[in-house]
Structure formats: structure tokens, C-alpha cells
Amino acid sequence: MEITEKVAYLKGLMDGLEIDKSTKEGKVLTAIADILDDVASSVSDLESGMDMVAHQVDMLDEDIQEMQEDLYGEDEDGCGCGCEDDDYFDGELYEVTCPKCGDTVCVDEDMLDEGEIGCPGCGETLEFDLDGILDELDDDED
């Protein structure tokens, strides 16, 4: 039952109970019912507006996804990050799997040196702490 229907039901109950609108209590109850009717009408208008906005946001999201697919496409490995493009990265490439969404992200040494990047799939911050790994590599070389 919608809020406007509930307010209409309440007003019907008040009429059915034959509440005397000339008494103090009757005046208060009538005023409350009128205010509830106004609030219910406003809420109904807001819900309609939100439905329209949500629909438009969904359409924009679909359009953006199509534009991203057209612009970036997908690589042979399907990650869409451009790691197959020789000009995109310098040096050796590493694949990192996002723990949140499971997407594979290709990174190079410069990106690892920065310490963190945002996952292109979900926006999760992927942090890289190479201090311990570099120390182990140095020890292995000695």
C-alpha cells in the first residue's frame, strides 16, 4: 500500500469513527491528517522524480560502458589494460589480480615503484610493498 493510500485510509477511519471536528481533539487529528496528506503527496512526487533520475543514470551508465568498450576494447588476454601494446608499457610486465573484483591488471616496474594504483574494474586501491621482496632478492644474489 502506497503512503498516499495509507493517508486516505486514515482519513476514512476518522470519518467512519465520526470524530467531532469541532472539539480540540478533533481539530488536532484533522490537522495531523491534513499534514500527513501533504507529506504523502510530496513523498510520492519525490519517488516519481527519483525513479526518473535512476532510469537516466542507468541509461548513462550503459552509454559509458559502450563508449569504454569502443575506446579501449579488449586485448588478447581479455584484461583491456593495453598490456599487449608494446608502446603502452616500458620494461617487464606483471599481472596483478584484484582481490575485490578478480580482474587481472597489467603493471610495469614504474607502476610498482609508485606503490599503488586503482583497479580499472572496481576502483579498489591496489598497494604494492616491495621493500621485503627487494631485500630477499638482494640476499639471494649474495
N, C-alpha and C. Protein backbone atom coordinates (compact mmCIF):
# COMPACT_ATOMS: atom_id res chain seq x y z
N MET A 1 0.85 -1.17 0.00
CA MET A 1 0.00 0.00 0.00
C MET A 1 0.90 1.24 0.00
N GLU A 2 0.63 2.15 -0.90
CA GLU A 2 1.38 3.40 -1.01
C GLU A 2 1.05 4.31 0.16
N ILE A 3 1.94 5.24 0.43
CA ILE A 3 1.74 6.16 1.57
C ILE A 3 0.50 7.04 1.37
N THR A 4 0.22 7.41 0.12
CA THR A 4 -0.98 8.22 -0.13
C THR A 4 -2.24 7.40 0.16
N GLU A 5 -2.18 6.10 -0.14
CA GLU A 5 -3.33 5.24 0.15
C GLU A 5 -3.52 5.07 1.65
N LYS A 6 -2.41 4.99 2.38
CA LYS A 6 -2.49 4.86 3.83
C LYS A 6 -3.11 6.10 4.47
N VAL A 7 -2.75 7.27 3.97
CA VAL A 7 -3.32 8.51 4.50
C VAL A 7 -4.81 8.58 4.16
N ALA A 8 -5.17 8.17 2.96
CA ALA A 8 -6.60 8.16 2.58
C ALA A 8 -7.37 7.19 3.49
N TYR A 9 -6.77 6.04 3.81
CA TYR A 9 -7.39 5.08 4.72
C TYR A 9 -7.58 5.71 6.10
N LEU A 10 -6.54 6.40 6.59
CA LEU A 10 -6.63 7.06 7.89
C LEU A 10 -7.76 8.09 7.91
N LYS A 11 -7.87 8.88 6.84
CA LYS A 11 -8.95 9.87 6.78
C LYS A 11 -10.31 9.18 6.75
N GLY A 12 -10.38 8.06 6.06
CA GLY A 12 -11.64 7.30 6.05
C GLY A 12 -11.99 6.76 7.41
N LEU A 13 -10.98 6.29 8.15
CA LEU A 13 -11.23 5.84 9.53
C LEU A 13 -11.76 6.97 10.39
N MET A 14 -11.16 8.15 10.21
CA MET A 14 -11.61 9.29 11.01
C MET A 14 -13.07 9.62 10.69
N ASP A 15 -13.43 9.57 9.42
CA ASP A 15 -14.83 9.84 9.05
C ASP A 15 -15.74 8.74 9.58
N GLY A 16 -15.27 7.48 9.50
CA GLY A 16 -16.08 6.36 9.99
C GLY A 16 -16.28 6.38 11.49
N LEU A 17 -15.31 6.87 12.21
CA LEU A 17 -15.43 6.97 13.66
C LEU A 17 -16.24 8.20 14.09
N GLU A 18 -16.59 9.00 13.11
CA GLU A 18 -17.39 10.21 13.34
C GLU A 18 -16.74 11.10 14.40
N ILE A 19 -15.43 11.35 14.20
CA ILE A 19 -14.71 12.23 15.11
C ILE A 19 -15.25 13.64 14.94
N ASP A 20 -15.62 14.24 16.04
CA ASP A 20 -16.18 15.60 16.02
C ASP A 20 -15.05 16.59 15.75
N LYS A 21 -15.08 17.22 14.59
CA LYS A 21 -14.01 18.13 14.18
C LYS A 21 -14.10 19.48 14.89
N SER A 22 -15.13 19.69 15.66
CA SER A 22 -15.26 20.97 16.38
C SER A 22 -14.60 20.92 17.76
N THR A 23 -14.28 19.70 18.25
CA THR A 23 -13.60 19.60 19.55
C THR A 23 -12.10 19.84 19.37
N LYS A 24 -11.43 20.07 20.50
CA LYS A 24 -9.98 20.29 20.45
C LYS A 24 -9.27 19.08 19.85
N GLU A 25 -9.64 17.90 20.32
CA GLU A 25 -9.00 16.68 19.84
C GLU A 25 -9.30 16.45 18.36
N GLY A 26 -10.52 16.71 17.97
CA GLY A 26 -10.92 16.54 16.58
C GLY A 26 -10.16 17.48 15.66
N LYS A 27 -9.96 18.74 16.11
CA LYS A 27 -9.21 19.71 15.32
C LYS A 27 -7.76 19.26 15.15
N VAL A 28 -7.17 18.75 16.24
CA VAL A 28 -5.77 18.28 16.18
C VAL A 28 -5.65 17.09 15.22
N LEU A 29 -6.54 16.13 15.37
CA LEU A 29 -6.48 14.95 14.50
C LEU A 29 -6.70 15.31 13.03
N THR A 30 -7.60 16.23 12.77
CA THR A 30 -7.87 16.67 11.40
C THR A 30 -6.64 17.38 10.83
N ALA A 31 -6.01 18.23 11.64
CA ALA A 31 -4.80 18.94 11.18
C ALA A 31 -3.67 17.95 10.90
N ILE A 32 -3.53 16.96 11.78
CA ILE A 32 -2.49 15.93 11.57
C ILE A 32 -2.75 15.17 10.27
N ALA A 33 -3.99 14.80 10.04
CA ALA A 33 -4.34 14.06 8.82
C ALA A 33 -4.07 14.91 7.57
N ASP A 34 -4.36 16.21 7.65
CA ASP A 34 -4.10 17.10 6.51
C ASP A 34 -2.59 17.22 6.25
N ILE A 35 -1.82 17.34 7.32
CA ILE A 35 -0.37 17.43 7.17
C ILE A 35 0.18 16.13 6.58
N LEU A 36 -0.31 15.01 7.09
CA LEU A 36 0.12 13.71 6.54
C LEU A 36 -0.23 13.59 5.06
N ASP A 37 -1.36 14.12 4.68
CA ASP A 37 -1.77 14.09 3.27
C ASP A 37 -0.79 14.90 2.41
N ASP A 38 -0.39 16.09 2.90
CA ASP A 38 0.58 16.92 2.18
C ASP A 38 1.94 16.23 2.08
N VAL A 39 2.38 15.63 3.21
CA VAL A 39 3.67 14.93 3.23
C VAL A 39 3.63 13.74 2.27
N ALA A 40 2.55 12.99 2.29
CA ALA A 40 2.42 11.83 1.41
C ALA A 40 2.47 12.25 -0.06
N SER A 41 1.83 13.36 -0.38
CA SER A 41 1.85 13.87 -1.75
C SER A 41 3.27 14.26 -2.16
N SER A 42 3.98 14.93 -1.25
CA SER A 42 5.37 15.33 -1.54
C SER A 42 6.27 14.12 -1.72
N VAL A 43 6.11 13.13 -0.84
CA VAL A 43 6.92 11.91 -0.94
C VAL A 43 6.64 11.19 -2.25
N SER A 44 5.40 11.14 -2.64
CA SER A 44 5.03 10.50 -3.90
C SER A 44 5.69 11.20 -5.09
N ASP A 45 5.68 12.54 -5.06
CA ASP A 45 6.35 13.31 -6.12
C ASP A 45 7.85 13.05 -6.14
N LEU A 46 8.47 12.99 -4.96
CA LEU A 46 9.91 12.72 -4.86
C LEU A 46 10.25 11.32 -5.39
N GLU A 47 9.41 10.34 -5.04
CA GLU A 47 9.64 8.98 -5.52
C GLU A 47 9.57 8.93 -7.05
N SER A 48 8.62 9.63 -7.62
CA SER A 48 8.49 9.65 -9.09
C SER A 48 9.73 10.29 -9.71
N GLY A 49 10.19 11.39 -9.12
CA GLY A 49 11.39 12.04 -9.61
C GLY A 49 12.62 11.15 -9.49
N MET A 50 12.74 10.45 -8.37
CA MET A 50 13.88 9.55 -8.16
C MET A 50 13.86 8.41 -9.16
N ASP A 51 12.69 7.88 -9.46
CA ASP A 51 12.58 6.82 -10.46
C ASP A 51 13.09 7.31 -11.81
N MET A 52 12.71 8.53 -12.16
CA MET A 52 13.14 9.09 -13.44
C MET A 52 14.66 9.30 -13.45
N VAL A 53 15.21 9.82 -12.36
CA VAL A 53 16.65 10.05 -12.27
C VAL A 53 17.40 8.71 -12.32
N ALA A 54 16.91 7.72 -11.60
CA ALA A 54 17.56 6.40 -11.59
C ALA A 54 17.57 5.80 -12.99
N HIS A 55 16.48 5.96 -13.71
CA HIS A 55 16.41 5.46 -15.09
C HIS A 55 17.43 6.17 -15.97
N GLN A 56 17.54 7.48 -15.83
CA GLN A 56 18.50 8.24 -16.63
C GLN A 56 19.94 7.86 -16.27
N VAL A 57 20.23 7.64 -14.99
CA VAL A 57 21.57 7.23 -14.57
C VAL A 57 21.90 5.87 -15.16
N ASP A 58 20.94 4.95 -15.15
CA ASP A 58 21.17 3.63 -15.74
C ASP A 58 21.47 3.74 -17.23
N MET A 59 20.74 4.61 -17.93
CA MET A 59 20.99 4.79 -19.37
C MET A 59 22.37 5.39 -19.60
N LEU A 60 22.77 6.37 -18.79
CA LEU A 60 24.10 6.97 -18.91
C LEU A 60 25.20 5.94 -18.62
N ASP A 61 24.98 5.09 -17.61
CA ASP A 61 25.95 4.06 -17.28
C ASP A 61 26.14 3.10 -18.45
N GLU A 62 25.04 2.70 -19.08
CA GLU A 62 25.13 1.83 -20.25
C GLU A 62 25.89 2.52 -21.39
N ASP A 63 25.60 3.80 -21.61
CA ASP A 63 26.29 4.55 -22.66
C ASP A 63 27.79 4.65 -22.39
N ILE A 64 28.14 4.89 -21.13
CA ILE A 64 29.56 4.99 -20.76
C ILE A 64 30.25 3.65 -20.96
N GLN A 65 29.59 2.56 -20.57
CA GLN A 65 30.19 1.24 -20.77
C GLN A 65 30.43 0.96 -22.26
N GLU A 66 29.47 1.31 -23.09
CA GLU A 66 29.64 1.12 -24.53
C GLU A 66 30.80 1.96 -25.06
N MET A 67 30.91 3.21 -24.58
CA MET A 67 31.99 4.08 -25.02
C MET A 67 33.35 3.52 -24.57
N GLN A 68 33.42 2.99 -23.35
CA GLN A 68 34.66 2.41 -22.87
C GLN A 68 35.05 1.20 -23.70
N GLU A 69 34.09 0.36 -24.04
CA GLU A 69 34.38 -0.80 -24.87
C GLU A 69 34.86 -0.38 -26.25
N ASP A 70 34.22 0.65 -26.81
CA ASP A 70 34.63 1.14 -28.12
C ASP A 70 36.02 1.78 -28.07
N LEU A 71 36.28 2.52 -27.00
CA LEU A 71 37.54 3.24 -26.88
C LEU A 71 38.70 2.33 -26.52
N TYR A 72 38.51 1.47 -25.52
CA TYR A 72 39.60 0.65 -25.02
C TYR A 72 39.61 -0.76 -25.60
N GLY A 73 38.43 -1.28 -25.91
CA GLY A 73 38.35 -2.64 -26.42
C GLY A 73 38.88 -3.62 -25.41
N GLU A 74 39.24 -4.81 -25.89
CA GLU A 74 39.84 -5.82 -25.03
C GLU A 74 41.05 -6.39 -25.74
N ASP A 75 42.10 -6.74 -24.97
CA ASP A 75 43.32 -7.32 -25.51
C ASP A 75 43.12 -8.82 -25.73
N GLU A 76 44.17 -9.46 -26.23
CA GLU A 76 44.12 -10.90 -26.44
C GLU A 76 43.89 -11.64 -25.13
N ASP A 77 44.45 -11.12 -24.03
CA ASP A 77 44.27 -11.78 -22.74
C ASP A 77 42.97 -11.36 -22.07
N GLY A 78 42.24 -10.42 -22.68
CA GLY A 78 40.92 -10.03 -22.18
C GLY A 78 40.93 -9.06 -21.03
N CYS A 79 42.09 -8.53 -20.66
CA CYS A 79 42.10 -7.64 -19.49
C CYS A 79 41.78 -6.19 -19.88
N GLY A 80 41.94 -5.82 -21.15
CA GLY A 80 41.58 -4.48 -21.58
C GLY A 80 42.50 -3.39 -21.10
N CYS A 81 43.68 -3.74 -20.57
CA CYS A 81 44.55 -2.72 -20.00
C CYS A 81 45.63 -2.27 -20.97
N GLY A 82 45.69 -2.83 -22.14
CA GLY A 82 46.68 -2.42 -23.12
C GLY A 82 48.03 -3.10 -22.97
N CYS A 83 48.11 -4.17 -22.19
CA CYS A 83 49.40 -4.78 -21.90
C CYS A 83 49.99 -5.48 -23.13
N GLU A 84 49.20 -5.72 -24.16
CA GLU A 84 49.74 -6.31 -25.39
C GLU A 84 50.35 -5.24 -26.29
N ASP A 85 50.07 -3.98 -25.98
CA ASP A 85 50.58 -2.87 -26.77
C ASP A 85 52.00 -2.53 -26.31
N ASP A 86 53.00 -2.75 -27.18
CA ASP A 86 54.40 -2.55 -26.81
C ASP A 86 54.70 -1.11 -26.40
N ASP A 87 53.96 -0.15 -26.94
CA ASP A 87 54.22 1.25 -26.63
C ASP A 87 53.57 1.68 -25.31
N TYR A 88 52.68 0.85 -24.79
CA TYR A 88 51.93 1.22 -23.58
C TYR A 88 52.80 1.11 -22.33
N PHE A 89 53.64 0.09 -22.26
CA PHE A 89 54.48 -0.13 -21.09
C PHE A 89 55.95 -0.12 -21.50
N ASP A 90 56.79 0.25 -20.54
CA ASP A 90 58.23 0.14 -20.71
C ASP A 90 58.73 -0.96 -19.80
N GLY A 91 59.57 -1.84 -20.29
CA GLY A 91 60.16 -2.87 -19.45
C GLY A 91 59.27 -4.08 -19.26
N GLU A 92 59.54 -4.81 -18.18
CA GLU A 92 58.84 -6.06 -17.90
C GLU A 92 57.44 -5.80 -17.36
N LEU A 93 56.53 -6.70 -17.70
CA LEU A 93 55.14 -6.57 -17.26
C LEU A 93 54.83 -7.61 -16.21
N TYR A 94 53.95 -7.23 -15.28
CA TYR A 94 53.50 -8.13 -14.24
C TYR A 94 51.98 -8.10 -14.20
N GLU A 95 51.39 -9.27 -14.00
CA GLU A 95 49.94 -9.34 -13.86
C GLU A 95 49.58 -9.39 -12.39
N VAL A 96 48.65 -8.54 -11.99
CA VAL A 96 48.18 -8.47 -10.60
C VAL A 96 46.68 -8.73 -10.63
N THR A 97 46.21 -9.57 -9.73
CA THR A 97 44.79 -9.86 -9.64
C THR A 97 44.19 -9.06 -8.50
N CYS A 98 43.14 -8.32 -8.81
CA CYS A 98 42.45 -7.51 -7.80
C CYS A 98 41.72 -8.44 -6.83
N PRO A 99 41.96 -8.30 -5.53
CA PRO A 99 41.29 -9.18 -4.56
C PRO A 99 39.80 -8.90 -4.43
N LYS A 100 39.36 -7.72 -4.84
CA LYS A 100 37.95 -7.37 -4.68
C LYS A 100 37.10 -7.90 -5.83
N CYS A 101 37.52 -7.59 -7.09
CA CYS A 101 36.68 -7.96 -8.23
C CYS A 101 37.25 -9.11 -9.06
N GLY A 102 38.54 -9.49 -8.83
CA GLY A 102 39.13 -10.61 -9.55
C GLY A 102 39.69 -10.26 -10.91
N ASP A 103 39.61 -8.99 -11.33
CA ASP A 103 40.16 -8.59 -12.62
C ASP A 103 41.68 -8.68 -12.60
N THR A 104 42.25 -8.99 -13.75
CA THR A 104 43.69 -9.02 -13.89
C THR A 104 44.15 -7.68 -14.43
N VAL A 105 45.14 -7.09 -13.77
CA VAL A 105 45.66 -5.79 -14.15
C VAL A 105 47.13 -5.97 -14.51
N CYS A 106 47.54 -5.43 -15.64
CA CYS A 106 48.94 -5.48 -16.06
C CYS A 106 49.64 -4.22 -15.57
N VAL A 107 50.79 -4.41 -14.91
CA VAL A 107 51.55 -3.27 -14.40
C VAL A 107 53.01 -3.43 -14.81
N ASP A 108 53.71 -2.30 -14.90
CA ASP A 108 55.14 -2.36 -15.18
C ASP A 108 55.90 -1.90 -13.93
N GLU A 109 57.21 -1.86 -14.02
CA GLU A 109 58.03 -1.54 -12.84
C GLU A 109 57.77 -0.12 -12.34
N ASP A 110 57.53 0.82 -13.24
CA ASP A 110 57.25 2.19 -12.82
C ASP A 110 55.98 2.25 -11.96
N MET A 111 54.95 1.50 -12.37
CA MET A 111 53.70 1.48 -11.61
C MET A 111 53.92 0.84 -10.24
N LEU A 112 54.75 -0.21 -10.19
CA LEU A 112 55.05 -0.85 -8.91
C LEU A 112 55.81 0.08 -8.00
N ASP A 113 56.72 0.87 -8.57
CA ASP A 113 57.50 1.82 -7.77
C ASP A 113 56.63 2.90 -7.14
N GLU A 114 55.51 3.24 -7.81
CA GLU A 114 54.60 4.24 -7.26
C GLU A 114 53.96 3.76 -5.96
N GLY A 115 53.86 2.44 -5.79
CA GLY A 115 53.34 1.88 -4.55
C GLY A 115 51.88 1.52 -4.56
N GLU A 116 51.09 2.12 -5.46
CA GLU A 116 49.67 1.78 -5.53
C GLU A 116 49.07 2.27 -6.84
N ILE A 117 48.02 1.58 -7.27
CA ILE A 117 47.23 2.00 -8.42
C ILE A 117 45.78 1.68 -8.12
N GLY A 118 44.89 2.28 -8.87
CA GLY A 118 43.48 1.97 -8.75
C GLY A 118 43.11 0.87 -9.74
N CYS A 119 42.33 -0.10 -9.29
CA CYS A 119 41.86 -1.16 -10.18
C CYS A 119 40.92 -0.55 -11.21
N PRO A 120 41.18 -0.78 -12.50
CA PRO A 120 40.28 -0.21 -13.51
C PRO A 120 38.89 -0.84 -13.49
N GLY A 121 38.77 -2.03 -12.91
CA GLY A 121 37.49 -2.71 -12.89
C GLY A 121 36.55 -2.21 -11.81
N CYS A 122 37.09 -2.00 -10.59
CA CYS A 122 36.21 -1.65 -9.47
C CYS A 122 36.67 -0.41 -8.70
N GLY A 123 37.88 0.11 -9.00
CA GLY A 123 38.36 1.30 -8.31
C GLY A 123 39.09 1.02 -7.01
N GLU A 124 39.15 -0.25 -6.59
CA GLU A 124 39.86 -0.62 -5.36
C GLU A 124 41.33 -0.21 -5.47
N THR A 125 41.90 0.32 -4.40
CA THR A 125 43.31 0.70 -4.39
C THR A 125 44.16 -0.56 -4.20
N LEU A 126 45.03 -0.82 -5.17
CA LEU A 126 45.95 -1.95 -5.08
C LEU A 126 47.30 -1.41 -4.64
N GLU A 127 47.76 -1.85 -3.47
CA GLU A 127 49.00 -1.34 -2.91
C GLU A 127 50.12 -2.37 -3.12
N PHE A 128 51.32 -1.86 -3.41
CA PHE A 128 52.48 -2.71 -3.63
C PHE A 128 53.57 -2.32 -2.64
N ASP A 129 53.97 -3.26 -1.79
CA ASP A 129 55.06 -3.04 -0.83
C ASP A 129 56.18 -3.98 -1.24
N LEU A 130 57.18 -3.46 -1.93
CA LEU A 130 58.25 -4.28 -2.47
C LEU A 130 59.50 -4.28 -1.59
N ASP A 131 59.47 -3.57 -0.47
CA ASP A 131 60.68 -3.48 0.37
C ASP A 131 61.17 -4.85 0.80
N GLY A 132 60.31 -5.69 1.35
CA GLY A 132 60.72 -7.02 1.80
C GLY A 132 61.15 -7.91 0.66
N ILE A 133 60.47 -7.80 -0.47
CA ILE A 133 60.80 -8.63 -1.63
C ILE A 133 62.17 -8.24 -2.19
N LEU A 134 62.44 -6.96 -2.27
CA LEU A 134 63.73 -6.49 -2.80
C LEU A 134 64.87 -6.91 -1.89
N ASP A 135 64.63 -6.89 -0.55
CA ASP A 135 65.67 -7.33 0.39
C ASP A 135 65.97 -8.81 0.20
N GLU A 136 64.91 -9.63 -0.01
CA GLU A 136 65.11 -11.06 -0.23
C GLU A 136 65.89 -11.30 -1.52
N LEU A 137 65.60 -10.54 -2.56
CA LEU A 137 66.31 -10.70 -3.83
C LEU A 137 67.77 -10.34 -3.67
N ASP A 138 68.06 -9.28 -2.92
CA ASP A 138 69.44 -8.88 -2.68
C ASP A 138 70.18 -9.97 -1.91
N ASP A 139 69.52 -10.60 -0.91
CA ASP A 139 70.14 -11.66 -0.13
C ASP A 139 70.43 -12.88 -0.98
N ASP A 140 69.52 -13.20 -1.91
CA ASP A 140 69.70 -14.36 -2.79
C ASP A 140 70.87 -14.15 -3.74
N GLU A 141 71.11 -12.93 -4.15
CA GLU A 141 72.20 -12.64 -5.08
C GLU A 141 73.57 -12.76 -4.42
N ASP A 142 73.65 -12.57 -3.11
CA ASP A 142 74.94 -12.62 -2.40
C ASP A 142 75.44 -13.99 -2.22
